[in-house]
N, C-alpha and C. Protein backbone atom coordinates (compact mmCIF):
# COMPACT_ATOMS: atom_id res chain seq x y z
N MET A 1 159.04 74.52 -133.75
CA MET A 1 158.64 75.21 -134.93
C MET A 1 157.56 75.73 -134.58
N VAL A 2 157.24 77.21 -134.11
CA VAL A 2 156.02 77.47 -134.18
C VAL A 2 155.35 78.46 -135.42
N GLY A 3 154.43 78.93 -135.77
CA GLY A 3 154.57 80.16 -136.93
C GLY A 3 154.78 79.68 -137.98
N SER A 4 154.06 80.89 -138.62
CA SER A 4 154.14 80.95 -140.11
C SER A 4 154.85 81.79 -141.00
N HIS A 5 154.86 82.88 -140.50
CA HIS A 5 155.22 83.96 -140.51
C HIS A 5 156.46 84.34 -140.01
N LYS A 6 156.58 84.05 -138.72
CA LYS A 6 158.35 84.42 -138.28
C LYS A 6 158.19 83.25 -137.48
N PHE A 7 159.23 82.62 -137.63
CA PHE A 7 159.86 81.57 -137.01
C PHE A 7 160.17 82.09 -135.48
N VAL A 8 159.31 81.22 -134.35
CA VAL A 8 159.16 80.65 -133.18
C VAL A 8 160.16 79.65 -132.82
N TYR A 9 160.66 79.64 -131.91
CA TYR A 9 160.95 77.89 -131.42
C TYR A 9 160.98 77.94 -130.04
N ASP A 10 160.48 76.72 -130.05
CA ASP A 10 160.10 76.63 -128.11
C ASP A 10 160.52 74.93 -127.79
N VAL A 11 160.16 74.59 -126.77
CA VAL A 11 160.68 73.53 -126.36
C VAL A 11 159.63 72.98 -125.40
N TRP A 12 159.35 71.82 -125.92
CA TRP A 12 158.46 70.86 -125.39
C TRP A 12 159.05 69.54 -124.95
N GLY A 13 158.12 68.56 -123.77
CA GLY A 13 158.75 67.28 -124.09
C GLY A 13 158.61 67.22 -122.08
N ASP A 14 159.60 65.58 -122.11
CA ASP A 14 159.37 65.31 -120.34
C ASP A 14 160.59 66.30 -119.97
N THR A 15 161.78 66.61 -120.53
CA THR A 15 162.77 67.30 -120.27
C THR A 15 162.50 68.58 -119.43
N VAL A 16 161.68 69.01 -119.99
CA VAL A 16 161.08 70.65 -120.27
C VAL A 16 160.37 70.51 -118.58
N ASN A 17 159.57 69.27 -118.88
CA ASN A 17 158.41 69.42 -117.35
C ASN A 17 159.18 68.79 -116.17
N GLN A 18 160.36 67.67 -116.83
CA GLN A 18 160.94 67.46 -115.13
C GLN A 18 161.38 68.75 -114.75
N ALA A 19 162.72 69.70 -115.82
CA ALA A 19 162.80 70.78 -114.91
C ALA A 19 162.04 72.12 -114.19
N SER A 20 160.50 71.61 -114.75
CA SER A 20 159.53 72.31 -114.53
C SER A 20 159.58 71.99 -112.73
N ARG A 21 158.91 70.36 -112.63
CA ARG A 21 158.60 70.05 -111.76
C ARG A 21 159.98 69.95 -110.35
N LEU A 22 161.15 69.93 -110.50
CA LEU A 22 162.19 70.63 -109.77
C LEU A 22 162.43 71.54 -109.39
N GLU A 23 162.01 72.32 -110.42
CA GLU A 23 162.00 73.93 -109.60
C GLU A 23 160.70 74.44 -108.91
N SER A 24 159.58 73.45 -109.37
CA SER A 24 158.51 74.01 -108.12
C SER A 24 158.63 73.19 -107.08
N ALA A 25 159.32 72.21 -106.82
CA ALA A 25 159.89 71.61 -105.54
C ALA A 25 160.49 72.15 -104.73
N CYS A 26 161.47 72.97 -105.36
CA CYS A 26 162.76 73.22 -104.96
C CYS A 26 162.79 74.31 -103.89
N THR A 27 163.86 74.35 -103.09
CA THR A 27 163.99 75.98 -101.87
C THR A 27 164.49 76.75 -102.62
N PRO A 28 164.20 77.72 -102.48
CA PRO A 28 164.54 79.40 -102.64
C PRO A 28 166.00 79.69 -102.49
N GLY A 29 166.83 80.12 -103.77
CA GLY A 29 167.77 80.23 -104.00
C GLY A 29 168.96 79.07 -104.09
N ARG A 30 168.28 78.12 -104.04
CA ARG A 30 169.76 76.75 -104.17
C ARG A 30 168.77 76.18 -105.76
N VAL A 31 169.29 75.63 -106.11
CA VAL A 31 169.40 74.75 -107.79
C VAL A 31 169.53 73.36 -107.59
N ALA A 32 168.39 73.08 -108.07
CA ALA A 32 167.85 70.88 -107.90
C ALA A 32 168.22 70.56 -109.21
N ILE A 33 168.69 69.59 -109.20
CA ILE A 33 169.09 68.28 -110.12
C ILE A 33 168.10 67.24 -109.83
N SER A 34 168.71 66.54 -110.76
CA SER A 34 167.58 65.33 -111.19
C SER A 34 168.90 63.94 -110.69
N GLY A 35 168.58 62.75 -110.45
CA GLY A 35 169.40 61.63 -110.46
C GLY A 35 169.90 61.52 -111.50
N ALA A 36 169.20 61.19 -112.71
CA ALA A 36 169.70 61.43 -114.03
C ALA A 36 171.53 62.45 -114.43
N THR A 37 170.94 64.10 -113.95
CA THR A 37 171.52 64.84 -113.95
C THR A 37 173.64 64.80 -113.34
N LYS A 38 172.94 63.83 -112.09
CA LYS A 38 173.89 63.89 -110.80
C LYS A 38 174.94 63.17 -111.48
N ALA A 39 174.20 62.15 -112.81
CA ALA A 39 174.95 60.52 -112.60
C ALA A 39 176.01 61.01 -114.01
N LEU A 40 175.40 62.30 -114.44
CA LEU A 40 176.31 62.75 -115.51
C LEU A 40 177.23 64.01 -115.42
N LEU A 41 177.21 64.34 -114.07
CA LEU A 41 178.25 65.30 -113.83
C LEU A 41 179.38 64.68 -113.13
N PRO A 42 180.53 65.55 -113.06
CA PRO A 42 181.66 64.53 -112.76
C PRO A 42 182.04 65.26 -111.30
N SER A 43 182.98 64.60 -110.59
CA SER A 43 182.42 64.09 -109.09
C SER A 43 183.38 65.62 -108.44
N SER A 44 183.72 66.55 -109.31
CA SER A 44 184.07 67.87 -109.08
C SER A 44 183.07 68.62 -107.80
N PHE A 45 182.00 68.32 -108.72
CA PHE A 45 180.40 69.23 -108.22
C PHE A 45 180.18 68.45 -106.71
N GLU A 46 179.76 69.71 -105.83
CA GLU A 46 179.42 68.96 -104.74
C GLU A 46 177.94 69.01 -104.67
N LEU A 47 177.17 68.17 -104.21
CA LEU A 47 175.87 67.65 -103.68
C LEU A 47 175.31 67.79 -102.63
N GLU A 48 174.23 67.38 -102.19
CA GLU A 48 173.43 67.41 -101.38
C GLU A 48 172.22 66.88 -101.91
N GLU A 49 172.02 65.59 -101.00
CA GLU A 49 170.42 64.43 -100.99
C GLU A 49 169.64 65.46 -100.48
N ALA A 50 168.77 66.03 -101.28
CA ALA A 50 167.30 66.40 -100.72
C ALA A 50 165.96 65.38 -100.79
N GLY A 51 166.87 64.35 -100.90
CA GLY A 51 165.45 63.16 -101.18
C GLY A 51 164.59 63.33 -102.11
N THR A 52 163.42 62.96 -101.97
CA THR A 52 162.28 62.29 -103.27
C THR A 52 161.25 63.28 -102.78
N PHE A 53 160.36 63.43 -104.25
CA PHE A 53 159.42 64.48 -104.20
C PHE A 53 158.17 63.63 -105.41
N ASP A 54 156.99 63.65 -104.97
CA ASP A 54 156.03 63.04 -105.67
C ASP A 54 155.99 64.40 -107.29
N ALA A 55 156.49 64.22 -108.12
CA ALA A 55 156.45 64.79 -108.91
C ALA A 55 155.51 64.56 -110.29
N LYS A 56 154.46 65.58 -110.55
CA LYS A 56 153.10 65.36 -111.22
C LYS A 56 153.09 64.72 -112.46
N ASN A 57 152.70 64.16 -112.92
CA ASN A 57 152.98 63.49 -114.22
C ASN A 57 154.07 62.90 -114.01
N ILE A 58 154.81 62.40 -113.15
CA ILE A 58 155.94 61.90 -113.44
C ILE A 58 156.15 60.58 -112.42
N GLY A 59 155.71 60.98 -111.15
CA GLY A 59 156.27 59.78 -110.03
C GLY A 59 157.18 60.24 -109.17
N PRO A 60 157.34 59.65 -108.11
CA PRO A 60 158.47 60.05 -106.88
C PRO A 60 159.95 60.30 -108.00
N THR A 61 160.72 61.57 -107.69
CA THR A 61 161.73 61.62 -108.22
C THR A 61 162.71 62.11 -106.87
N ARG A 62 164.03 61.49 -107.35
CA ARG A 62 164.79 62.02 -106.33
C ARG A 62 165.36 63.32 -107.06
N ARG A 63 166.49 63.77 -105.70
CA ARG A 63 166.66 65.31 -106.34
C ARG A 63 167.70 65.58 -105.21
N TYR A 64 168.86 66.31 -106.12
CA TYR A 64 170.31 67.11 -104.98
C TYR A 64 170.02 68.22 -105.71
N TYR A 65 170.69 68.75 -104.66
CA TYR A 65 171.12 70.28 -104.88
C TYR A 65 172.61 70.61 -104.86
N LEU A 66 173.01 71.65 -105.69
CA LEU A 66 173.83 71.65 -105.54
C LEU A 66 174.52 72.96 -104.93
N THR A 67 176.01 72.02 -103.94
CA THR A 67 176.38 73.35 -102.87
C THR A 67 177.39 74.02 -102.69
């Protein structure tokens, strides 16, 4: 929570950083997800492996595209 007169909420942390890195490395018009997110999705989602990329301050990160 930020602010003393008006409450404003913001999100920080590794999850937000990883999402930002995935978005930056994504092909426009596609949705990229991490390997950790892939593991949580049911098999009804169709995914395409998109390789790995070097995410700043995170290191090599495997990503997948939703198809």
